[in-house]
Amino acid sequence: DLGPMIARDDRGPAKSVQDDALGPRTMYLRWRELFDLRKPIVVAVQGYCLGSPVEIVLHADISIAADNAWFGYPPVRGTGMPDTQMFVYQVGPQWTKRILMTGDRISGTTAKEIGLVSEVVPVAELEQRAWELARSMCQVSSPILEAVKRVTNQAVEIMGYSALQRLN
């Protein structure tokens, strides 16, 4: 059940500094479940993907966007940091700082240029393209798909994903 991950605000106000620090750590564990799923995850985004929903894109295996998609984390302007620090692994330090130090949103085209999504398609073609990607993955055996995902995710781990999250 990944539904509760979508609504960050349902935790209510923090009661103490420790509660405030525990919130992102708890959410990190939920996002980590998505990251660690054995099966590949393809995400298709249209319209706005701002705030916590962008964590789904950051933790998916392949993300594509419609030409009307917008990404960002505007909550940094008022409520704080993302639940995880996955931006730095997906888009690098420069774009992480730009997105998280301004709260600005970026277009799907820019998201592709910086590596947040792998491609941008017209909105009318988005669902079809997502299914094409999924069917293409079905041509690869499950053990190979799982191995590719595990090794790639382990590389992110070696780069310090969990250690960085503990510093949050």
N, C-alpha and C. Protein backbone atom coordinates (compact mmCIF):
# COMPACT_ATOMS: atom_id res chain seq x y z
N ASP A 1 0.85 -1.19 0.00
CA ASP A 1 0.00 0.00 0.00
C ASP A 1 0.89 1.24 0.00
N LEU A 2 1.02 1.88 -1.15
CA LEU A 2 1.86 3.05 -1.26
C LEU A 2 1.07 4.34 -1.13
N GLY A 3 -0.24 4.25 -0.98
CA GLY A 3 -1.10 5.42 -0.92
C GLY A 3 -0.70 6.45 0.11
N PRO A 4 -0.42 6.07 1.35
CA PRO A 4 -0.07 7.07 2.36
C PRO A 4 1.18 7.86 2.04
N MET A 5 2.02 7.35 1.14
CA MET A 5 3.25 8.06 0.80
C MET A 5 2.94 9.34 0.05
N ILE A 6 1.82 9.40 -0.62
CA ILE A 6 1.49 10.54 -1.45
C ILE A 6 1.21 11.78 -0.60
N ALA A 7 0.50 11.60 0.48
CA ALA A 7 0.06 12.75 1.27
C ALA A 7 1.00 12.98 2.45
N ARG A 8 1.95 13.86 2.29
CA ARG A 8 2.92 14.15 3.34
C ARG A 8 2.26 14.86 4.51
N ASP A 9 1.28 15.70 4.26
CA ASP A 9 0.69 16.53 5.30
C ASP A 9 -0.20 15.76 6.27
N ASP A 10 -0.51 14.49 6.00
CA ASP A 10 -1.40 13.76 6.89
C ASP A 10 -0.72 13.37 8.20
N ARG A 11 0.57 13.64 8.34
CA ARG A 11 1.26 13.33 9.59
C ARG A 11 0.90 14.33 10.68
N GLY A 12 0.38 15.47 10.29
CA GLY A 12 0.04 16.50 11.26
C GLY A 12 1.27 17.26 11.70
N PRO A 13 1.08 18.27 12.53
CA PRO A 13 2.21 19.08 12.97
C PRO A 13 3.15 18.29 13.88
N ALA A 14 4.44 18.56 13.78
CA ALA A 14 5.42 17.91 14.64
C ALA A 14 5.22 18.39 16.07
N LYS A 15 5.41 17.48 17.00
CA LYS A 15 5.23 17.82 18.41
C LYS A 15 6.56 18.26 19.04
N SER A 16 7.68 17.84 18.45
CA SER A 16 8.99 18.20 18.98
C SER A 16 10.00 18.19 17.84
N VAL A 17 11.21 18.62 18.15
CA VAL A 17 12.28 18.57 17.15
C VAL A 17 12.53 17.13 16.73
N GLN A 18 12.48 16.20 17.68
CA GLN A 18 12.67 14.79 17.38
C GLN A 18 11.58 14.27 16.45
N ASP A 19 10.33 14.67 16.71
CA ASP A 19 9.22 14.28 15.83
C ASP A 19 9.42 14.82 14.42
N ASP A 20 9.88 16.07 14.35
CA ASP A 20 10.11 16.69 13.04
C ASP A 20 11.19 15.94 12.27
N ALA A 21 12.24 15.51 12.94
CA ALA A 21 13.32 14.76 12.29
C ALA A 21 12.87 13.35 11.95
N LEU A 22 12.00 12.77 12.75
CA LEU A 22 11.54 11.41 12.52
C LEU A 22 10.64 11.31 11.29
N GLY A 23 9.89 12.35 10.99
CA GLY A 23 8.98 12.31 9.85
C GLY A 23 9.65 11.93 8.55
N PRO A 24 10.69 12.67 8.11
CA PRO A 24 11.39 12.31 6.88
C PRO A 24 12.03 10.92 6.94
N ARG A 25 12.54 10.53 8.11
CA ARG A 25 13.14 9.21 8.22
C ARG A 25 12.09 8.12 8.02
N THR A 26 10.91 8.33 8.58
CA THR A 26 9.82 7.37 8.39
C THR A 26 9.40 7.33 6.93
N MET A 27 9.27 8.49 6.31
CA MET A 27 8.87 8.53 4.91
C MET A 27 9.96 7.93 4.02
N TYR A 28 11.21 8.14 4.37
CA TYR A 28 12.31 7.53 3.60
C TYR A 28 12.14 6.03 3.54
N LEU A 29 11.79 5.43 4.65
CA LEU A 29 11.61 3.97 4.68
C LEU A 29 10.48 3.54 3.75
N ARG A 30 9.43 4.35 3.67
CA ARG A 30 8.33 4.04 2.74
C ARG A 30 8.78 4.18 1.30
N TRP A 31 9.51 5.27 0.99
CA TRP A 31 10.02 5.45 -0.37
C TRP A 31 11.02 4.35 -0.71
N ARG A 32 11.77 3.92 0.27
CA ARG A 32 12.76 2.86 0.07
C ARG A 32 12.06 1.56 -0.36
N GLU A 33 10.87 1.32 0.16
CA GLU A 33 10.10 0.14 -0.27
C GLU A 33 9.87 0.17 -1.78
N LEU A 34 9.52 1.33 -2.30
CA LEU A 34 9.30 1.49 -3.74
C LEU A 34 10.62 1.24 -4.49
N PHE A 35 11.69 1.83 -4.02
CA PHE A 35 13.01 1.68 -4.62
C PHE A 35 13.45 0.21 -4.65
N ASP A 36 13.13 -0.52 -3.59
CA ASP A 36 13.60 -1.90 -3.45
C ASP A 36 12.67 -2.96 -4.03
N LEU A 37 11.53 -2.59 -4.58
CA LEU A 37 10.65 -3.60 -5.19
C LEU A 37 11.43 -4.39 -6.22
N ARG A 38 11.18 -5.68 -6.30
CA ARG A 38 11.92 -6.53 -7.26
C ARG A 38 11.50 -6.24 -8.69
N LYS A 39 10.26 -5.92 -8.91
CA LYS A 39 9.76 -5.67 -10.27
C LYS A 39 10.06 -4.25 -10.69
N PRO A 40 10.35 -4.05 -11.98
CA PRO A 40 10.60 -2.69 -12.48
C PRO A 40 9.35 -1.82 -12.40
N ILE A 41 9.57 -0.54 -12.19
CA ILE A 41 8.48 0.43 -12.10
C ILE A 41 8.64 1.45 -13.22
N VAL A 42 7.60 1.57 -14.05
CA VAL A 42 7.57 2.57 -15.11
C VAL A 42 6.56 3.63 -14.68
N VAL A 43 6.97 4.89 -14.72
CA VAL A 43 6.09 5.99 -14.32
C VAL A 43 5.86 6.88 -15.53
N ALA A 44 4.61 7.24 -15.75
CA ALA A 44 4.23 8.17 -16.81
C ALA A 44 3.60 9.39 -16.16
N VAL A 45 4.17 10.56 -16.42
CA VAL A 45 3.73 11.79 -15.76
C VAL A 45 3.12 12.76 -16.77
N GLN A 46 1.94 13.25 -16.42
CA GLN A 46 1.37 14.35 -17.19
C GLN A 46 0.90 15.41 -16.21
N GLY A 47 0.97 16.65 -16.62
CA GLY A 47 0.56 17.74 -15.74
C GLY A 47 1.59 17.99 -14.66
N TYR A 48 1.11 18.40 -13.48
CA TYR A 48 2.00 18.80 -12.40
C TYR A 48 2.45 17.61 -11.56
N CYS A 49 3.74 17.53 -11.31
CA CYS A 49 4.34 16.54 -10.42
C CYS A 49 5.24 17.35 -9.47
N LEU A 50 4.61 17.93 -8.48
CA LEU A 50 5.28 18.87 -7.59
C LEU A 50 5.21 18.38 -6.14
N GLY A 51 6.25 18.60 -5.38
CA GLY A 51 6.26 18.20 -3.99
C GLY A 51 6.49 16.71 -3.84
N SER A 52 5.85 16.11 -2.86
CA SER A 52 6.06 14.69 -2.57
C SER A 52 5.83 13.75 -3.76
N PRO A 53 4.87 14.00 -4.66
CA PRO A 53 4.72 13.09 -5.79
C PRO A 53 5.98 12.95 -6.66
N VAL A 54 6.85 13.94 -6.65
CA VAL A 54 8.08 13.81 -7.44
C VAL A 54 8.97 12.69 -6.87
N GLU A 55 8.77 12.33 -5.60
CA GLU A 55 9.53 11.22 -5.01
C GLU A 55 9.24 9.91 -5.76
N ILE A 56 8.03 9.75 -6.29
CA ILE A 56 7.72 8.56 -7.06
C ILE A 56 8.62 8.49 -8.29
N VAL A 57 8.75 9.60 -8.99
CA VAL A 57 9.63 9.67 -10.17
C VAL A 57 11.07 9.38 -9.76
N LEU A 58 11.51 9.97 -8.67
CA LEU A 58 12.89 9.80 -8.21
C LEU A 58 13.21 8.35 -7.85
N HIS A 59 12.22 7.59 -7.41
CA HIS A 59 12.45 6.21 -6.97
C HIS A 59 12.02 5.17 -7.99
N ALA A 60 11.45 5.59 -9.11
CA ALA A 60 11.03 4.65 -10.15
C ALA A 60 12.25 4.20 -10.96
N ASP A 61 12.05 3.17 -11.76
CA ASP A 61 13.14 2.66 -12.60
C ASP A 61 13.21 3.40 -13.93
N ILE A 62 12.09 3.68 -14.52
CA ILE A 62 12.03 4.44 -15.77
C ILE A 62 10.86 5.39 -15.66
N SER A 63 11.11 6.66 -15.94
CA SER A 63 10.05 7.66 -15.92
C SER A 63 10.02 8.37 -17.27
N ILE A 64 8.81 8.55 -17.78
CA ILE A 64 8.63 9.34 -18.99
C ILE A 64 7.61 10.43 -18.68
N ALA A 65 7.62 11.46 -19.50
CA ALA A 65 6.74 12.60 -19.23
C ALA A 65 6.02 13.02 -20.50
N ALA A 66 4.83 13.53 -20.29
CA ALA A 66 4.10 14.17 -21.37
C ALA A 66 4.68 15.55 -21.59
N ASP A 67 4.40 16.10 -22.75
CA ASP A 67 4.94 17.43 -23.06
C ASP A 67 4.28 18.55 -22.24
N ASN A 68 3.28 18.20 -21.42
CA ASN A 68 2.66 19.19 -20.54
C ASN A 68 3.08 19.01 -19.08
N ALA A 69 4.10 18.19 -18.82
CA ALA A 69 4.51 17.88 -17.45
C ALA A 69 5.39 18.98 -16.86
N TRP A 70 5.23 19.17 -15.55
CA TRP A 70 6.04 20.10 -14.77
C TRP A 70 6.48 19.39 -13.51
N PHE A 71 7.75 19.57 -13.14
CA PHE A 71 8.33 18.91 -11.98
C PHE A 71 8.95 19.94 -11.05
N GLY A 72 9.01 19.61 -9.77
CA GLY A 72 9.68 20.50 -8.84
C GLY A 72 9.32 20.17 -7.41
N TYR A 73 9.90 20.96 -6.51
CA TYR A 73 9.64 20.78 -5.08
C TYR A 73 9.41 22.13 -4.43
N PRO A 74 8.28 22.80 -4.78
CA PRO A 74 8.00 24.11 -4.21
C PRO A 74 7.82 24.13 -2.69
N PRO A 75 7.54 22.99 -2.01
CA PRO A 75 7.43 23.07 -0.55
C PRO A 75 8.68 23.59 0.14
N VAL A 76 9.85 23.56 -0.52
CA VAL A 76 11.06 24.10 0.14
C VAL A 76 10.90 25.57 0.46
N ARG A 77 9.99 26.23 -0.20
CA ARG A 77 9.77 27.66 0.07
C ARG A 77 9.08 27.90 1.40
N GLY A 78 8.50 26.86 1.97
CA GLY A 78 7.78 27.11 3.21
C GLY A 78 7.82 25.98 4.22
N THR A 79 7.77 24.73 3.77
CA THR A 79 7.64 23.63 4.72
C THR A 79 8.86 22.75 4.85
N GLY A 80 9.87 22.91 4.03
CA GLY A 80 11.09 22.17 4.25
C GLY A 80 11.55 21.28 3.12
N MET A 81 12.44 20.39 3.49
CA MET A 81 13.14 19.51 2.57
C MET A 81 12.27 18.35 2.10
N PRO A 82 12.67 17.73 0.97
CA PRO A 82 12.00 16.51 0.53
C PRO A 82 12.19 15.39 1.55
N ASP A 83 11.38 14.35 1.40
CA ASP A 83 11.49 13.19 2.30
C ASP A 83 12.81 12.46 2.14
N THR A 84 13.35 12.46 0.91
CA THR A 84 14.62 11.78 0.64
C THR A 84 15.54 12.75 -0.09
N GLN A 85 16.77 12.32 -0.24
CA GLN A 85 17.75 13.14 -0.96
C GLN A 85 18.08 12.52 -2.32
N MET A 86 17.09 11.86 -2.93
CA MET A 86 17.30 11.16 -4.19
C MET A 86 17.55 12.11 -5.37
N PHE A 87 17.15 13.36 -5.26
CA PHE A 87 17.41 14.30 -6.36
C PHE A 87 18.88 14.28 -6.77
N VAL A 88 19.79 14.30 -5.80
CA VAL A 88 21.21 14.39 -6.12
C VAL A 88 21.68 13.20 -6.96
N TYR A 89 21.09 12.04 -6.76
CA TYR A 89 21.48 10.85 -7.52
C TYR A 89 20.86 10.83 -8.91
N GLN A 90 19.70 11.42 -9.05
CA GLN A 90 19.01 11.39 -10.34
C GLN A 90 19.42 12.54 -11.26
N VAL A 91 19.67 13.73 -10.70
CA VAL A 91 19.93 14.90 -11.56
C VAL A 91 21.26 15.58 -11.27
N GLY A 92 22.01 15.13 -10.27
CA GLY A 92 23.30 15.71 -9.95
C GLY A 92 23.19 16.91 -9.01
N PRO A 93 24.34 17.34 -8.49
CA PRO A 93 24.33 18.40 -7.48
C PRO A 93 23.85 19.77 -7.98
N GLN A 94 24.24 20.17 -9.19
CA GLN A 94 23.84 21.49 -9.68
C GLN A 94 22.32 21.62 -9.78
N TRP A 95 21.69 20.64 -10.44
CA TRP A 95 20.24 20.73 -10.61
C TRP A 95 19.50 20.48 -9.30
N THR A 96 20.07 19.64 -8.43
CA THR A 96 19.45 19.46 -7.11
C THR A 96 19.41 20.79 -6.38
N LYS A 97 20.53 21.50 -6.38
CA LYS A 97 20.57 22.80 -5.71
C LYS A 97 19.62 23.79 -6.37
N ARG A 98 19.59 23.80 -7.68
CA ARG A 98 18.71 24.74 -8.38
C ARG A 98 17.25 24.49 -8.02
N ILE A 99 16.84 23.22 -8.07
CA ILE A 99 15.44 22.88 -7.79
C ILE A 99 15.10 23.13 -6.32
N LEU A 100 16.00 22.70 -5.42
CA LEU A 100 15.69 22.78 -3.99
C LEU A 100 16.05 24.10 -3.35
N MET A 101 16.85 24.92 -3.99
CA MET A 101 17.16 26.24 -3.44
C MET A 101 16.25 27.33 -3.99
N THR A 102 15.46 27.00 -5.01
CA THR A 102 14.54 28.00 -5.57
C THR A 102 13.08 27.60 -5.37
N GLY A 103 12.81 26.30 -5.35
CA GLY A 103 11.43 25.86 -5.31
C GLY A 103 10.75 26.00 -6.67
N ASP A 104 11.53 26.39 -7.69
CA ASP A 104 10.97 26.57 -9.03
C ASP A 104 10.60 25.22 -9.64
N ARG A 105 9.72 25.26 -10.58
CA ARG A 105 9.37 24.05 -11.31
C ARG A 105 10.11 24.04 -12.64
N ILE A 106 10.28 22.83 -13.18
CA ILE A 106 10.94 22.67 -14.48
C ILE A 106 10.00 21.92 -15.42
N SER A 107 10.15 22.18 -16.70
CA SER A 107 9.31 21.53 -17.70
C SER A 107 9.73 20.08 -17.91
N GLY A 108 8.87 19.33 -18.55
CA GLY A 108 9.22 17.96 -18.91
C GLY A 108 10.44 17.91 -19.80
N THR A 109 10.57 18.87 -20.70
CA THR A 109 11.73 18.93 -21.59
C THR A 109 13.01 19.11 -20.79
N THR A 110 12.99 20.02 -19.82
CA THR A 110 14.17 20.21 -18.97
C THR A 110 14.42 18.97 -18.13
N ALA A 111 13.35 18.35 -17.63
CA ALA A 111 13.49 17.12 -16.84
C ALA A 111 14.21 16.04 -17.65
N LYS A 112 13.92 15.96 -18.94
CA LYS A 112 14.62 15.00 -19.80
C LYS A 112 16.09 15.40 -19.96
N GLU A 113 16.34 16.67 -20.20
CA GLU A 113 17.71 17.14 -20.40
C GLU A 113 18.61 16.86 -19.19
N ILE A 114 18.04 16.90 -17.99
CA ILE A 114 18.85 16.71 -16.79
C ILE A 114 18.81 15.27 -16.27
N GLY A 115 18.04 14.40 -16.91
CA GLY A 115 18.02 12.99 -16.54
C GLY A 115 16.96 12.59 -15.54
N LEU A 116 16.02 13.47 -15.23
CA LEU A 116 14.94 13.10 -14.31
C LEU A 116 13.96 12.14 -14.98
N VAL A 117 13.73 12.32 -16.26
CA VAL A 117 12.91 11.40 -17.05
C VAL A 117 13.72 10.98 -18.28
N SER A 118 13.35 9.83 -18.86
CA SER A 118 14.12 9.34 -20.00
C SER A 118 13.62 9.85 -21.33
N GLU A 119 12.36 10.27 -21.38
CA GLU A 119 11.84 10.82 -22.63
C GLU A 119 10.59 11.65 -22.38
N VAL A 120 10.28 12.49 -23.36
CA VAL A 120 9.08 13.32 -23.33
C VAL A 120 8.31 13.03 -24.61
N VAL A 121 7.01 12.80 -24.45
CA VAL A 121 6.15 12.50 -25.59
C VAL A 121 4.91 13.38 -25.54
N PRO A 122 4.23 13.54 -26.66
CA PRO A 122 2.96 14.28 -26.62
C PRO A 122 2.00 13.62 -25.64
N VAL A 123 1.22 14.42 -24.94
CA VAL A 123 0.32 13.90 -23.91
C VAL A 123 -0.59 12.80 -24.46
N ALA A 124 -1.02 12.93 -25.69
CA ALA A 124 -1.92 11.93 -26.28
C ALA A 124 -1.24 10.57 -26.47
N GLU A 125 0.09 10.55 -26.46
CA GLU A 125 0.83 9.30 -26.68
C GLU A 125 1.42 8.73 -25.40
N LEU A 126 1.25 9.41 -24.28
CA LEU A 126 1.94 9.03 -23.04
C LEU A 126 1.59 7.62 -22.57
N GLU A 127 0.32 7.32 -22.44
CA GLU A 127 -0.07 6.00 -21.93
C GLU A 127 0.40 4.88 -22.86
N GLN A 128 0.24 5.10 -24.16
CA GLN A 128 0.69 4.09 -25.13
C GLN A 128 2.19 3.86 -25.00
N ARG A 129 2.96 4.93 -24.87
CA ARG A 129 4.42 4.80 -24.77
C ARG A 129 4.82 4.09 -23.48
N ALA A 130 4.12 4.37 -22.39
CA ALA A 130 4.42 3.69 -21.13
C ALA A 130 4.18 2.19 -21.26
N TRP A 131 3.09 1.81 -21.90
CA TRP A 131 2.80 0.39 -22.12
C TRP A 131 3.83 -0.23 -23.05
N GLU A 132 4.29 0.50 -24.05
CA GLU A 132 5.34 -0.02 -24.94
C GLU A 132 6.61 -0.34 -24.16
N LEU A 133 6.98 0.57 -23.27
CA LEU A 133 8.17 0.33 -22.44
C LEU A 133 7.98 -0.91 -21.56
N ALA A 134 6.81 -1.02 -20.96
CA ALA A 134 6.54 -2.18 -20.10
C ALA A 134 6.58 -3.47 -20.91
N ARG A 135 5.97 -3.46 -22.09
CA ARG A 135 6.00 -4.67 -22.94
C ARG A 135 7.42 -4.99 -23.38
N SER A 136 8.21 -3.97 -23.64
CA SER A 136 9.60 -4.19 -24.02
C SER A 136 10.37 -4.88 -22.88
N MET A 137 10.09 -4.47 -21.66
CA MET A 137 10.74 -5.11 -20.52
C MET A 137 10.30 -6.56 -20.36
N CYS A 138 9.10 -6.87 -20.82
CA CYS A 138 8.61 -8.25 -20.74
C CYS A 138 9.40 -9.18 -21.65
N GLN A 139 10.17 -8.63 -22.57
CA GLN A 139 11.02 -9.43 -23.45
C GLN A 139 12.30 -9.90 -22.74
N VAL A 140 12.55 -9.35 -21.56
CA VAL A 140 13.72 -9.72 -20.76
C VAL A 140 13.22 -10.58 -19.60
N SER A 141 13.94 -11.62 -19.29
CA SER A 141 13.50 -12.52 -18.22
C SER A 141 13.45 -11.79 -16.88
N SER A 142 12.54 -12.22 -16.03
CA SER A 142 12.39 -11.61 -14.70
C SER A 142 13.69 -11.65 -13.90
N PRO A 143 14.42 -12.77 -13.89
CA PRO A 143 15.67 -12.76 -13.11
C PRO A 143 16.67 -11.72 -13.61
N ILE A 144 16.73 -11.50 -14.93
CA ILE A 144 17.65 -10.50 -15.46
C ILE A 144 17.18 -9.09 -15.08
N LEU A 145 15.87 -8.83 -15.24
CA LEU A 145 15.33 -7.52 -14.85
C LEU A 145 15.64 -7.23 -13.38
N GLU A 146 15.40 -8.22 -12.53
CA GLU A 146 15.65 -8.05 -11.10
C GLU A 146 17.13 -7.81 -10.82
N ALA A 147 18.00 -8.52 -11.55
CA ALA A 147 19.44 -8.35 -11.35
C ALA A 147 19.89 -6.96 -11.78
N VAL A 148 19.39 -6.49 -12.91
CA VAL A 148 19.75 -5.15 -13.38
C VAL A 148 19.31 -4.11 -12.36
N LYS A 149 18.08 -4.25 -11.88
CA LYS A 149 17.57 -3.29 -10.90
C LYS A 149 18.39 -3.35 -9.60
N ARG A 150 18.67 -4.56 -9.13
CA ARG A 150 19.42 -4.73 -7.88
C ARG A 150 20.83 -4.13 -8.00
N VAL A 151 21.53 -4.42 -9.09
CA VAL A 151 22.90 -3.92 -9.27
C VAL A 151 22.90 -2.40 -9.41
N THR A 152 21.97 -1.87 -10.20
CA THR A 152 21.91 -0.42 -10.38
C THR A 152 21.58 0.28 -9.06
N ASN A 153 20.61 -0.25 -8.33
CA ASN A 153 20.27 0.33 -7.04
C ASN A 153 21.42 0.20 -6.04
N GLN A 154 22.17 -0.90 -6.14
CA GLN A 154 23.33 -1.06 -5.26
C GLN A 154 24.39 0.00 -5.57
N ALA A 155 24.52 0.36 -6.83
CA ALA A 155 25.46 1.43 -7.19
C ALA A 155 25.05 2.74 -6.52
N VAL A 156 23.75 3.05 -6.52
CA VAL A 156 23.26 4.25 -5.83
C VAL A 156 23.55 4.14 -4.33
N GLU A 157 23.39 2.95 -3.80
CA GLU A 157 23.68 2.73 -2.38
C GLU A 157 25.16 2.95 -2.09
N ILE A 158 26.03 2.44 -2.96
CA ILE A 158 27.47 2.62 -2.78
C ILE A 158 27.83 4.11 -2.83
N MET A 159 27.09 4.88 -3.61
CA MET A 159 27.33 6.32 -3.68
C MET A 159 26.83 7.04 -2.42
N GLY A 160 26.20 6.29 -1.50
CA GLY A 160 25.88 6.86 -0.21
C GLY A 160 24.42 7.19 0.06
N TYR A 161 23.49 6.62 -0.70
CA TYR A 161 22.07 6.96 -0.55
C TYR A 161 21.59 6.84 0.90
N SER A 162 21.77 5.69 1.53
CA SER A 162 21.28 5.51 2.91
C SER A 162 22.05 6.37 3.90
N ALA A 163 23.36 6.47 3.71
CA ALA A 163 24.17 7.28 4.63
C ALA A 163 23.76 8.74 4.56
N LEU A 164 23.54 9.25 3.35
CA LEU A 164 23.11 10.64 3.19
C LEU A 164 21.75 10.85 3.83
N GLN A 165 20.86 9.89 3.68
CA GLN A 165 19.52 10.04 4.26
C GLN A 165 19.58 10.12 5.78
N ARG A 166 20.50 9.39 6.39
CA ARG A 166 20.63 9.44 7.85
C ARG A 166 21.07 10.82 8.33
N LEU A 167 21.72 11.59 7.47
CA LEU A 167 22.16 12.94 7.84
C LEU A 167 21.04 13.97 7.75
N ASN A 168 19.95 13.61 7.09
CA ASN A 168 18.83 14.52 6.87
C ASN A 168 18.25 15.01 8.17
